[in-house]
């Protein structure tokens, strides 16, 4: 094993995850979602159910796709649930970066939603870019 691998195993998700996840409910309409993402300057947000548990994710690409394929009338009637990616790839704060890296590679995803250990409430986000930044810091 190289030094970077050993150190990735020592760094926990909770130490580098982005906190303060922006969430919206299933029924939120697309124009409002676009407004939130623009105002918050974020590239994705988490969709939650009535219990505030993670149910999906919407990225800026999902919005671009919806706006380019739909008519104005369609957009005004489209909800988060209609365009979200429902299969959330998840991680937990107590996982190490090596574990999360392996999940990202296996699932071919750029980011994971960090969930609370009890329930599926989102507590953070972690992207491949966050891990690369960390690797650069520990690798020299």
N, C-alpha and C. Protein backbone atom coordinates (compact mmCIF):
# COMPACT_ATOMS: atom_id res chain seq x y z
N UNK A 1 0.84 -1.19 0.00
CA UNK A 1 0.00 0.00 0.00
C UNK A 1 0.87 1.24 0.00
N UNK A 2 0.41 2.25 -0.72
CA UNK A 2 1.18 3.48 -0.70
C UNK A 2 0.71 4.39 0.43
N UNK A 3 1.45 5.46 0.64
CA UNK A 3 1.16 6.38 1.75
C UNK A 3 -0.23 7.01 1.61
N UNK A 4 -0.61 7.39 0.39
CA UNK A 4 -1.91 8.01 0.18
C UNK A 4 -3.03 7.08 0.59
N UNK A 5 -2.92 5.80 0.23
CA UNK A 5 -3.95 4.82 0.59
C UNK A 5 -4.07 4.71 2.10
N UNK A 6 -2.95 4.59 2.78
CA UNK A 6 -2.99 4.49 4.24
C UNK A 6 -3.64 5.73 4.85
N UNK A 7 -3.29 6.89 4.36
CA UNK A 7 -3.84 8.11 4.92
C UNK A 7 -5.32 8.26 4.59
N UNK A 8 -5.74 7.84 3.40
CA UNK A 8 -7.17 7.90 3.07
C UNK A 8 -7.98 7.06 4.05
N UNK A 9 -7.40 5.98 4.50
CA UNK A 9 -8.09 5.12 5.46
C UNK A 9 -8.17 5.76 6.84
N UNK A 10 -7.34 6.75 7.09
CA UNK A 10 -7.33 7.41 8.39
C UNK A 10 -8.23 8.65 8.44
N UNK A 11 -8.66 9.14 7.29
CA UNK A 11 -9.48 10.36 7.24
C UNK A 11 -10.95 9.97 7.17
N UNK A 12 -11.72 10.55 8.04
CA UNK A 12 -13.14 10.22 8.12
C UNK A 12 -13.98 11.18 7.27
N UNK A 13 -15.07 10.68 6.77
CA UNK A 13 -16.00 11.48 5.97
C UNK A 13 -16.42 12.72 6.74
N UNK A 14 -16.73 12.58 8.02
CA UNK A 14 -17.21 13.71 8.82
C UNK A 14 -16.21 14.86 8.86
N UNK A 15 -14.92 14.56 8.64
CA UNK A 15 -13.90 15.59 8.71
C UNK A 15 -13.83 16.48 7.48
N UNK A 16 -14.31 16.00 6.34
CA UNK A 16 -14.20 16.82 5.13
C UNK A 16 -15.52 17.02 4.38
N UNK A 17 -16.59 16.40 4.84
CA UNK A 17 -17.86 16.53 4.12
C UNK A 17 -18.35 17.98 4.16
N UNK A 18 -19.13 18.33 3.18
CA UNK A 18 -19.76 19.64 3.13
C UNK A 18 -21.03 19.55 3.96
N UNK A 19 -21.12 20.39 4.96
CA UNK A 19 -22.28 20.38 5.86
C UNK A 19 -23.32 21.38 5.37
N UNK A 20 -24.46 21.36 6.00
CA UNK A 20 -25.50 22.31 5.62
C UNK A 20 -26.12 21.99 4.28
N UNK A 21 -26.50 20.75 4.10
CA UNK A 21 -27.09 20.29 2.85
C UNK A 21 -28.40 21.02 2.58
N UNK A 22 -28.55 21.50 1.37
CA UNK A 22 -29.80 22.15 0.97
C UNK A 22 -30.76 21.05 0.52
N UNK A 23 -31.96 21.07 1.09
CA UNK A 23 -32.96 20.04 0.78
C UNK A 23 -34.26 20.69 0.33
N UNK A 24 -35.03 19.93 -0.44
CA UNK A 24 -36.40 20.32 -0.79
C UNK A 24 -37.27 19.08 -0.70
N UNK A 25 -38.55 19.30 -0.54
CA UNK A 25 -39.52 18.20 -0.46
C UNK A 25 -39.83 17.67 -1.86
N UNK A 26 -40.33 16.44 -1.90
CA UNK A 26 -40.77 15.79 -3.14
C UNK A 26 -41.56 16.72 -4.06
N UNK A 27 -42.51 17.43 -3.48
CA UNK A 27 -43.47 18.19 -4.27
C UNK A 27 -43.02 19.57 -4.73
N UNK A 28 -41.78 19.95 -4.39
CA UNK A 28 -41.31 21.29 -4.80
C UNK A 28 -41.26 21.39 -6.32
N UNK A 29 -41.69 22.54 -6.84
CA UNK A 29 -41.77 22.75 -8.28
C UNK A 29 -40.41 23.17 -8.86
N UNK A 30 -40.18 22.82 -10.12
CA UNK A 30 -38.91 23.09 -10.78
C UNK A 30 -38.48 24.55 -10.77
N UNK A 31 -39.34 25.50 -11.07
CA UNK A 31 -38.88 26.90 -11.03
C UNK A 31 -38.32 27.28 -9.65
N UNK A 32 -38.93 26.81 -8.58
CA UNK A 32 -38.44 27.11 -7.23
C UNK A 32 -37.10 26.41 -6.99
N UNK A 33 -36.97 25.18 -7.48
CA UNK A 33 -35.71 24.45 -7.32
C UNK A 33 -34.58 25.20 -8.03
N UNK A 34 -34.85 25.65 -9.25
CA UNK A 34 -33.84 26.41 -10.01
C UNK A 34 -33.47 27.69 -9.26
N UNK A 35 -34.45 28.35 -8.68
CA UNK A 35 -34.20 29.57 -7.91
C UNK A 35 -33.31 29.27 -6.70
N UNK A 36 -33.63 28.22 -5.97
CA UNK A 36 -32.84 27.85 -4.79
C UNK A 36 -31.40 27.52 -5.18
N UNK A 37 -31.23 26.71 -6.22
CA UNK A 37 -29.89 26.31 -6.63
C UNK A 37 -29.08 27.52 -7.09
N UNK A 38 -29.73 28.44 -7.78
CA UNK A 38 -29.04 29.65 -8.25
C UNK A 38 -28.67 30.55 -7.08
N UNK A 39 -29.61 30.79 -6.19
CA UNK A 39 -29.36 31.68 -5.05
C UNK A 39 -28.31 31.10 -4.10
N UNK A 40 -28.33 29.79 -3.91
CA UNK A 40 -27.38 29.14 -3.00
C UNK A 40 -26.04 28.84 -3.69
N UNK A 41 -26.01 29.01 -5.03
CA UNK A 41 -24.82 28.71 -5.84
C UNK A 41 -24.34 27.28 -5.61
N UNK A 42 -25.27 26.34 -5.79
CA UNK A 42 -24.97 24.92 -5.60
C UNK A 42 -25.28 24.14 -6.87
N UNK A 43 -24.64 23.00 -7.04
CA UNK A 43 -24.84 22.20 -8.25
C UNK A 43 -25.76 21.01 -8.02
N UNK A 44 -26.18 20.81 -6.78
CA UNK A 44 -27.14 19.74 -6.51
C UNK A 44 -27.85 20.02 -5.20
N UNK A 45 -28.99 19.39 -5.04
CA UNK A 45 -29.68 19.43 -3.75
C UNK A 45 -30.34 18.09 -3.50
N UNK A 46 -30.63 17.85 -2.24
CA UNK A 46 -31.18 16.56 -1.82
C UNK A 46 -32.69 16.68 -1.69
N UNK A 47 -33.38 15.67 -2.21
CA UNK A 47 -34.83 15.60 -2.10
C UNK A 47 -35.15 14.76 -0.87
N UNK A 48 -36.04 15.27 -0.03
CA UNK A 48 -36.42 14.54 1.18
C UNK A 48 -37.92 14.25 1.17
N UNK A 49 -38.29 13.21 1.91
CA UNK A 49 -39.70 12.85 2.02
C UNK A 49 -40.33 13.58 3.21
N UNK A 50 -41.53 13.18 3.57
CA UNK A 50 -42.25 13.85 4.66
C UNK A 50 -41.54 13.73 6.00
N UNK A 51 -40.70 12.72 6.16
CA UNK A 51 -39.95 12.52 7.40
C UNK A 51 -38.57 13.17 7.36
N UNK A 52 -38.31 13.95 6.32
CA UNK A 52 -37.01 14.59 6.09
C UNK A 52 -35.89 13.58 5.88
N UNK A 53 -36.23 12.39 5.39
CA UNK A 53 -35.23 11.39 5.05
C UNK A 53 -34.89 11.52 3.57
N UNK A 54 -33.62 11.30 3.23
CA UNK A 54 -33.17 11.43 1.84
C UNK A 54 -33.90 10.45 0.94
N UNK A 55 -34.42 10.98 -0.16
CA UNK A 55 -35.16 10.15 -1.11
C UNK A 55 -34.55 10.21 -2.50
N UNK A 56 -33.75 11.23 -2.76
CA UNK A 56 -33.16 11.38 -4.09
C UNK A 56 -32.29 12.61 -4.15
N UNK A 57 -31.81 12.88 -5.35
CA UNK A 57 -30.93 14.03 -5.57
C UNK A 57 -31.26 14.64 -6.92
N UNK A 58 -31.12 15.95 -7.02
CA UNK A 58 -31.26 16.65 -8.29
C UNK A 58 -29.99 17.45 -8.51
N UNK A 59 -29.40 17.28 -9.69
CA UNK A 59 -28.20 18.03 -10.05
C UNK A 59 -28.57 19.14 -11.02
N UNK A 60 -27.63 20.04 -11.24
CA UNK A 60 -27.87 21.11 -12.21
C UNK A 60 -28.08 20.52 -13.60
N UNK A 61 -27.44 19.40 -13.91
CA UNK A 61 -27.65 18.76 -15.21
C UNK A 61 -29.09 18.25 -15.34
N UNK A 62 -29.65 17.73 -14.25
CA UNK A 62 -31.06 17.30 -14.28
C UNK A 62 -31.97 18.48 -14.62
N UNK A 63 -31.67 19.65 -14.05
CA UNK A 63 -32.47 20.84 -14.35
C UNK A 63 -32.31 21.27 -15.80
N UNK A 64 -31.08 21.28 -16.29
CA UNK A 64 -30.84 21.64 -17.69
C UNK A 64 -31.62 20.71 -18.61
N UNK A 65 -31.57 19.42 -18.31
CA UNK A 65 -32.30 18.43 -19.12
C UNK A 65 -33.80 18.72 -19.10
N UNK A 66 -34.34 18.96 -17.92
CA UNK A 66 -35.79 19.22 -17.80
C UNK A 66 -36.19 20.49 -18.53
N UNK A 67 -35.40 21.54 -18.39
CA UNK A 67 -35.73 22.80 -19.05
C UNK A 67 -35.58 22.70 -20.57
N UNK A 68 -34.60 21.95 -21.04
CA UNK A 68 -34.40 21.85 -22.49
C UNK A 68 -35.42 20.93 -23.16
N UNK A 69 -35.93 19.96 -22.43
CA UNK A 69 -36.89 19.01 -23.01
C UNK A 69 -38.34 19.44 -22.84
N UNK A 70 -38.63 20.31 -21.89
CA UNK A 70 -40.02 20.65 -21.57
C UNK A 70 -40.46 21.98 -22.13
N UNK A 71 -41.75 22.16 -22.13
CA UNK A 71 -42.33 23.46 -22.48
C UNK A 71 -42.50 24.25 -21.18
N UNK A 72 -42.78 25.52 -21.29
CA UNK A 72 -42.97 26.35 -20.10
C UNK A 72 -44.07 25.77 -19.21
N UNK A 73 -45.15 25.33 -19.82
CA UNK A 73 -46.25 24.74 -19.06
C UNK A 73 -45.80 23.48 -18.33
N UNK A 74 -45.02 22.65 -19.03
CA UNK A 74 -44.51 21.42 -18.42
C UNK A 74 -43.64 21.74 -17.20
N UNK A 75 -42.76 22.70 -17.36
CA UNK A 75 -41.82 23.06 -16.30
C UNK A 75 -42.58 23.53 -15.06
N UNK A 76 -43.59 24.33 -15.25
CA UNK A 76 -44.35 24.86 -14.12
C UNK A 76 -45.13 23.79 -13.37
N UNK A 77 -45.34 22.64 -14.00
CA UNK A 77 -46.08 21.54 -13.37
C UNK A 77 -45.17 20.40 -12.92
N UNK A 78 -43.87 20.53 -13.18
CA UNK A 78 -42.93 19.46 -12.86
C UNK A 78 -42.42 19.61 -11.43
N UNK A 79 -42.40 18.50 -10.70
CA UNK A 79 -41.94 18.51 -9.31
C UNK A 79 -40.57 17.86 -9.17
N UNK A 80 -39.99 18.03 -8.01
CA UNK A 80 -38.71 17.40 -7.71
C UNK A 80 -38.78 15.89 -7.92
N UNK A 81 -39.86 15.30 -7.47
CA UNK A 81 -40.01 13.85 -7.60
C UNK A 81 -39.99 13.40 -9.06
N UNK A 82 -40.47 14.25 -9.95
CA UNK A 82 -40.53 13.91 -11.38
C UNK A 82 -39.15 13.78 -12.01
N UNK A 83 -38.18 14.55 -11.56
CA UNK A 83 -36.87 14.54 -12.23
C UNK A 83 -35.71 14.07 -11.36
N UNK A 84 -35.95 13.81 -10.08
CA UNK A 84 -34.85 13.42 -9.19
C UNK A 84 -34.30 12.05 -9.57
N UNK A 85 -33.06 11.83 -9.19
CA UNK A 85 -32.47 10.50 -9.26
C UNK A 85 -32.82 9.84 -7.94
N UNK A 86 -33.69 8.82 -7.98
CA UNK A 86 -34.22 8.27 -6.73
C UNK A 86 -33.27 7.34 -5.99
N UNK A 87 -32.29 6.83 -6.65
CA UNK A 87 -31.40 5.87 -5.99
C UNK A 87 -30.19 6.62 -5.45
N UNK A 88 -30.25 6.96 -4.20
CA UNK A 88 -29.22 7.75 -3.56
C UNK A 88 -28.04 6.86 -3.18
N UNK A 89 -26.85 7.28 -3.61
CA UNK A 89 -25.64 6.59 -3.17
C UNK A 89 -25.23 7.28 -1.88
N UNK A 90 -25.12 6.49 -0.83
CA UNK A 90 -24.96 7.07 0.50
C UNK A 90 -23.65 6.70 1.16
N UNK A 91 -23.28 7.55 2.09
CA UNK A 91 -22.13 7.32 2.95
C UNK A 91 -22.54 7.76 4.35
N UNK A 92 -21.69 7.46 5.31
CA UNK A 92 -21.96 7.81 6.70
C UNK A 92 -20.75 8.53 7.28
N UNK A 93 -20.96 9.44 8.23
CA UNK A 93 -19.86 10.24 8.77
C UNK A 93 -18.69 9.42 9.29
N UNK A 94 -18.96 8.24 9.84
CA UNK A 94 -17.89 7.44 10.44
C UNK A 94 -17.12 6.59 9.43
N UNK A 95 -17.48 6.65 8.16
CA UNK A 95 -16.74 5.92 7.13
C UNK A 95 -15.45 6.67 6.83
N UNK A 96 -14.45 5.93 6.34
CA UNK A 96 -13.22 6.60 5.93
C UNK A 96 -13.23 6.88 4.43
N UNK A 97 -12.31 7.72 3.98
CA UNK A 97 -12.32 8.12 2.58
C UNK A 97 -12.02 6.97 1.63
N UNK A 98 -11.27 6.00 2.07
CA UNK A 98 -10.99 4.83 1.22
C UNK A 98 -12.29 4.09 0.93
N UNK A 99 -13.11 3.87 1.96
CA UNK A 99 -14.39 3.18 1.78
C UNK A 99 -15.29 3.94 0.81
N UNK A 100 -15.37 5.25 1.00
CA UNK A 100 -16.24 6.06 0.15
C UNK A 100 -15.71 6.11 -1.28
N UNK A 101 -14.40 6.19 -1.43
CA UNK A 101 -13.81 6.17 -2.78
C UNK A 101 -14.19 4.90 -3.51
N UNK A 102 -14.12 3.78 -2.82
CA UNK A 102 -14.48 2.50 -3.43
C UNK A 102 -15.95 2.47 -3.84
N UNK A 103 -16.82 3.04 -3.02
CA UNK A 103 -18.25 3.10 -3.35
C UNK A 103 -18.46 3.95 -4.60
N UNK A 104 -17.81 5.11 -4.63
CA UNK A 104 -17.96 6.01 -5.78
C UNK A 104 -17.51 5.33 -7.07
N UNK A 105 -16.39 4.64 -7.00
CA UNK A 105 -15.87 3.94 -8.18
C UNK A 105 -16.82 2.83 -8.59
N UNK A 106 -17.27 2.03 -7.64
CA UNK A 106 -18.16 0.90 -7.95
C UNK A 106 -19.49 1.37 -8.53
N UNK A 107 -20.01 2.49 -8.03
CA UNK A 107 -21.32 2.99 -8.48
C UNK A 107 -21.22 4.03 -9.60
N UNK A 108 -19.98 4.40 -9.96
CA UNK A 108 -19.74 5.41 -11.01
C UNK A 108 -20.48 6.72 -10.73
N UNK A 109 -20.30 7.23 -9.51
CA UNK A 109 -20.92 8.50 -9.14
C UNK A 109 -19.86 9.51 -8.72
N UNK A 110 -20.20 10.77 -8.89
CA UNK A 110 -19.29 11.86 -8.54
C UNK A 110 -19.47 12.33 -7.10
N UNK A 111 -20.66 12.10 -6.54
CA UNK A 111 -20.89 12.56 -5.17
C UNK A 111 -21.79 11.58 -4.43
N UNK A 112 -21.67 11.62 -3.11
CA UNK A 112 -22.53 10.80 -2.25
C UNK A 112 -23.19 11.72 -1.22
N UNK A 113 -24.36 11.30 -0.78
CA UNK A 113 -25.04 12.00 0.30
C UNK A 113 -24.62 11.34 1.60
N UNK A 114 -24.19 12.16 2.55
CA UNK A 114 -23.80 11.64 3.86
C UNK A 114 -25.04 11.68 4.75
N UNK A 115 -25.39 10.51 5.27
CA UNK A 115 -26.60 10.37 6.07
C UNK A 115 -26.27 10.17 7.54
N UNK A 116 -27.18 10.60 8.40
CA UNK A 116 -27.00 10.38 9.83
C UNK A 116 -27.01 8.88 10.10
N UNK A 117 -26.27 8.44 11.11
CA UNK A 117 -26.21 7.01 11.41
C UNK A 117 -27.58 6.41 11.76
N UNK A 118 -28.48 7.23 12.29
CA UNK A 118 -29.82 6.76 12.62
C UNK A 118 -30.79 7.44 11.66
N UNK A 119 -31.50 6.65 10.87
CA UNK A 119 -32.39 7.22 9.87
C UNK A 119 -31.64 7.58 8.61
N UNK A 120 -32.32 8.18 7.69
CA UNK A 120 -31.72 8.56 6.42
C UNK A 120 -31.73 10.08 6.25
N UNK A 121 -31.51 10.78 7.34
CA UNK A 121 -31.51 12.24 7.28
C UNK A 121 -30.16 12.73 6.74
N UNK A 122 -30.18 13.58 5.71
CA UNK A 122 -28.91 14.06 5.14
C UNK A 122 -28.20 15.03 6.08
N UNK A 123 -26.91 14.78 6.29
CA UNK A 123 -26.10 15.66 7.14
C UNK A 123 -24.94 16.28 6.38
N UNK A 124 -24.70 15.81 5.15
CA UNK A 124 -23.60 16.36 4.37
C UNK A 124 -23.55 15.79 2.97
N UNK A 125 -22.63 16.34 2.19
CA UNK A 125 -22.34 15.85 0.85
C UNK A 125 -20.84 15.67 0.75
N UNK A 126 -20.44 14.72 -0.07
CA UNK A 126 -19.02 14.50 -0.32
C UNK A 126 -18.86 14.19 -1.80
N UNK A 127 -17.99 14.93 -2.47
CA UNK A 127 -17.78 14.71 -3.90
C UNK A 127 -16.40 14.12 -4.15
N UNK A 128 -16.24 13.59 -5.34
CA UNK A 128 -14.94 13.06 -5.75
C UNK A 128 -13.91 14.19 -5.72
N UNK A 129 -14.32 15.39 -6.05
CA UNK A 129 -13.42 16.55 -6.01
C UNK A 129 -12.93 16.80 -4.59
N UNK A 130 -13.80 16.65 -3.60
CA UNK A 130 -13.39 16.81 -2.20
C UNK A 130 -12.30 15.80 -1.84
N UNK A 131 -12.46 14.58 -2.33
CA UNK A 131 -11.48 13.52 -2.03
C UNK A 131 -10.16 13.81 -2.75
N UNK A 132 -10.23 14.27 -4.00
CA UNK A 132 -9.01 14.61 -4.75
C UNK A 132 -8.25 15.73 -4.04
N UNK A 133 -8.97 16.74 -3.55
CA UNK A 133 -8.32 17.82 -2.80
C UNK A 133 -7.59 17.27 -1.58
N UNK A 134 -8.24 16.34 -0.90
CA UNK A 134 -7.63 15.74 0.30
C UNK A 134 -6.41 14.92 -0.08
N UNK A 135 -6.50 14.17 -1.18
CA UNK A 135 -5.37 13.36 -1.64
C UNK A 135 -4.19 14.26 -2.00
N UNK A 136 -4.48 15.38 -2.61
CA UNK A 136 -3.42 16.32 -2.98
C UNK A 136 -2.72 16.86 -1.74
N UNK A 137 -3.49 17.15 -0.70
CA UNK A 137 -2.91 17.67 0.54
C UNK A 137 -2.01 16.64 1.21
N UNK A 138 -2.46 15.38 1.24
CA UNK A 138 -1.67 14.37 1.95
C UNK A 138 -0.59 13.75 1.07
N UNK A 139 -0.73 13.92 -0.24
CA UNK A 139 0.21 13.29 -1.15
C UNK A 139 1.38 14.16 -1.54
N UNK A 140 1.37 15.40 -1.12
CA UNK A 140 2.51 16.24 -1.43
C UNK A 140 2.21 17.46 -2.19
